Amino acid sequence: MENTFNVKLSTLEDMSDFVKICDQFDDYIDYKVGSYIVDAKSVMGVMSTTIGKEAKVTIYTDNSRIVDSFVDNIKKWIVGDF
């Protein structure tokens, strides 16, 4: 099951912190800006995208506890409703 959230990372520090959080999860997590999709656990990948542009983050899991934990960890960057 995929769970997608809109996020906005406004600084390089946000990007670095976001990647560190994603790396704590065993599940696949994608970071998509426009048509460009990278592994959200890759510092180089995430930093190769545009700073401050809204992105879609998808975590692939059926475990609602993992999704809740993920959301709790990235909520400061989530924009819009989820």
C-alpha atoms as a PDB file:
ATOM      1  CA  MET A   1       0.000   0.000   0.000  1.00  0.00           C
ATOM      2  CA  GLU A   2       1.308   3.437  -0.797  1.00  0.00           C
ATOM      3  CA  ASN A   3       0.798   6.448   1.425  1.00  0.00           C
ATOM      4  CA  THR A   4       1.589   9.796  -0.172  1.00  0.00           C
ATOM      5  CA  PHE A   5       2.079  13.173   1.487  1.00  0.00           C
ATOM      6  CA  ASN A   6       2.979  16.605   0.139  1.00  0.00           C
ATOM      7  CA  VAL A   7       6.056  18.100   1.763  1.00  0.00           C
ATOM      8  CA  LYS A   8       8.151  21.222   1.378  1.00  0.00           C
ATOM      9  CA  LEU A   9      11.830  21.237   2.332  1.00  0.00           C
ATOM     10  CA  SER A  10      13.018  24.853   2.404  1.00  0.00           C
ATOM     11  CA  THR A  11      16.690  24.511   3.368  1.00  0.00           C
ATOM     12  CA  LEU A  12      19.616  22.147   2.906  1.00  0.00           C
ATOM     13  CA  GLU A  13      19.349  21.377   6.614  1.00  0.00           C
ATOM     14  CA  ASP A  14      15.680  20.400   6.124  1.00  0.00           C
ATOM     15  CA  MET A  15      16.720  18.098   3.307  1.00  0.00           C
ATOM     16  CA  SER A  16      19.464  16.488   5.373  1.00  0.00           C
ATOM     17  CA  ASP A  17      17.201  16.024   8.408  1.00  0.00           C
ATOM     18  CA  PHE A  18      14.425  14.617   6.209  1.00  0.00           C
ATOM     19  CA  VAL A  19      16.778  12.018   4.681  1.00  0.00           C
ATOM     20  CA  LYS A  20      18.016  10.995   8.147  1.00  0.00           C
ATOM     21  CA  ILE A  21      14.420  10.418   9.265  1.00  0.00           C
ATOM     22  CA  CYS A  22      13.557   8.429   6.141  1.00  0.00           C
ATOM     23  CA  ASP A  23      16.661   6.291   6.631  1.00  0.00           C
ATOM     24  CA  GLN A  24      15.276   5.121   9.995  1.00  0.00           C
ATOM     25  CA  PHE A  25      12.475   3.233   8.195  1.00  0.00           C
ATOM     26  CA  ASP A  26      12.976  -0.149   6.520  1.00  0.00           C
ATOM     27  CA  ASP A  27      10.258   0.532   3.930  1.00  0.00           C
ATOM     28  CA  TYR A  28      10.756   2.009   0.466  1.00  0.00           C
ATOM     29  CA  ILE A  29      10.212   5.771   0.420  1.00  0.00           C
ATOM     30  CA  ASP A  30      10.112   7.862  -2.770  1.00  0.00           C
ATOM     31  CA  TYR A  31      10.623  11.623  -3.063  1.00  0.00           C
ATOM     32  CA  LYS A  32       9.035  13.090  -6.201  1.00  0.00           C
ATOM     33  CA  VAL A  33       9.387  16.607  -7.560  1.00  0.00           C
ATOM     34  CA  GLY A  34       7.599  17.041 -10.874  1.00  0.00           C
ATOM     35  CA  SER A  35       8.496  13.991 -12.963  1.00  0.00           C
ATOM     36  CA  TYR A  36      11.770  13.424 -11.060  1.00  0.00           C
ATOM     37  CA  ILE A  37      11.635  10.558  -8.522  1.00  0.00           C
ATOM     38  CA  VAL A  38      14.495   9.746  -6.134  1.00  0.00           C
ATOM     39  CA  ASP A  39      15.055   7.489  -3.152  1.00  0.00           C
ATOM     40  CA  ALA A  40      14.094   9.559  -0.088  1.00  0.00           C
ATOM     41  CA  LYS A  41      16.934   7.876   1.826  1.00  0.00           C
ATOM     42  CA  SER A  42      19.521   9.285  -0.574  1.00  0.00           C
ATOM     43  CA  VAL A  43      21.108  12.590   0.447  1.00  0.00           C
ATOM     44  CA  MET A  44      22.463  13.111  -3.064  1.00  0.00           C
ATOM     45  CA  GLY A  45      19.084  12.287  -4.607  1.00  0.00           C
ATOM     46  CA  VAL A  46      17.006  14.595  -2.431  1.00  0.00           C
ATOM     47  CA  MET A  47      19.564  17.416  -2.617  1.00  0.00           C
ATOM     48  CA  SER A  48      19.598  17.152  -6.411  1.00  0.00           C
ATOM     49  CA  THR A  49      16.002  18.417  -6.437  1.00  0.00           C
ATOM     50  CA  THR A  50      14.811  22.000  -6.055  1.00  0.00           C
ATOM     51  CA  ILE A  51      14.922  23.497  -2.557  1.00  0.00           C
ATOM     52  CA  GLY A  52      11.623  24.965  -1.435  1.00  0.00           C
ATOM     53  CA  LYS A  53       9.516  23.300  -4.103  1.00  0.00           C
ATOM     54  CA  GLU A  54       6.604  21.137  -2.987  1.00  0.00           C
ATOM     55  CA  ALA A  55       7.265  17.405  -3.384  1.00  0.00           C
ATOM     56  CA  LYS A  56       5.305  14.195  -2.969  1.00  0.00           C
ATOM     57  CA  VAL A  57       6.671  11.645  -0.513  1.00  0.00           C
ATOM     58  CA  THR A  58       5.408   8.077  -0.686  1.00  0.00           C
ATOM     59  CA  ILE A  59       6.093   5.369   1.880  1.00  0.00           C
ATOM     60  CA  TYR A  60       5.241   1.851   0.732  1.00  0.00           C
ATOM     61  CA  THR A  61       3.810  -0.148   3.632  1.00  0.00           C
ATOM     62  CA  ASP A  62       0.567  -1.726   4.801  1.00  0.00           C
ATOM     63  CA  ASN A  63       1.467  -1.177   8.453  1.00  0.00           C
ATOM     64  CA  SER A  64      -0.559   1.765   9.797  1.00  0.00           C
ATOM     65  CA  ARG A  65       1.735   2.107  12.824  1.00  0.00           C
ATOM     66  CA  ILE A  66       4.705   2.680  10.552  1.00  0.00           C
ATOM     67  CA  VAL A  67       2.746   5.249   8.533  1.00  0.00           C
ATOM     68  CA  ASP A  68       1.679   7.039  11.727  1.00  0.00           C
ATOM     69  CA  SER A  69       5.267   7.084  12.983  1.00  0.00           C
ATOM     70  CA  PHE A  70       6.513   8.346   9.619  1.00  0.00           C
ATOM     71  CA  VAL A  71       3.928  11.150   9.562  1.00  0.00           C
ATOM     72  CA  ASP A  72       4.756  12.090  13.137  1.00  0.00           C
ATOM     73  CA  ASN A  73       8.428  12.410  12.189  1.00  0.00           C
ATOM     74  CA  ILE A  74       7.904  14.491   9.011  1.00  0.00           C
ATOM     75  CA  LYS A  75       4.847  16.527  10.059  1.00  0.00           C
ATOM     76  CA  LYS A  76       6.787  19.805  10.231  1.00  0.00           C
ATOM     77  CA  TRP A  77       7.336  19.581   6.462  1.00  0.00           C
ATOM     78  CA  ILE A  78       3.876  18.326   5.449  1.00  0.00           C
ATOM     79  CA  VAL A  79       1.794  20.867   3.531  1.00  0.00           C
ATOM     80  CA  GLY A  80      -1.925  20.639   2.901  1.00  0.00           C
ATOM     81  CA  ASP A  81      -4.274  17.957   4.178  1.00  0.00           C
ATOM     82  CA  PHE A  82      -3.266  14.332   4.693  1.00  0.00           C
END
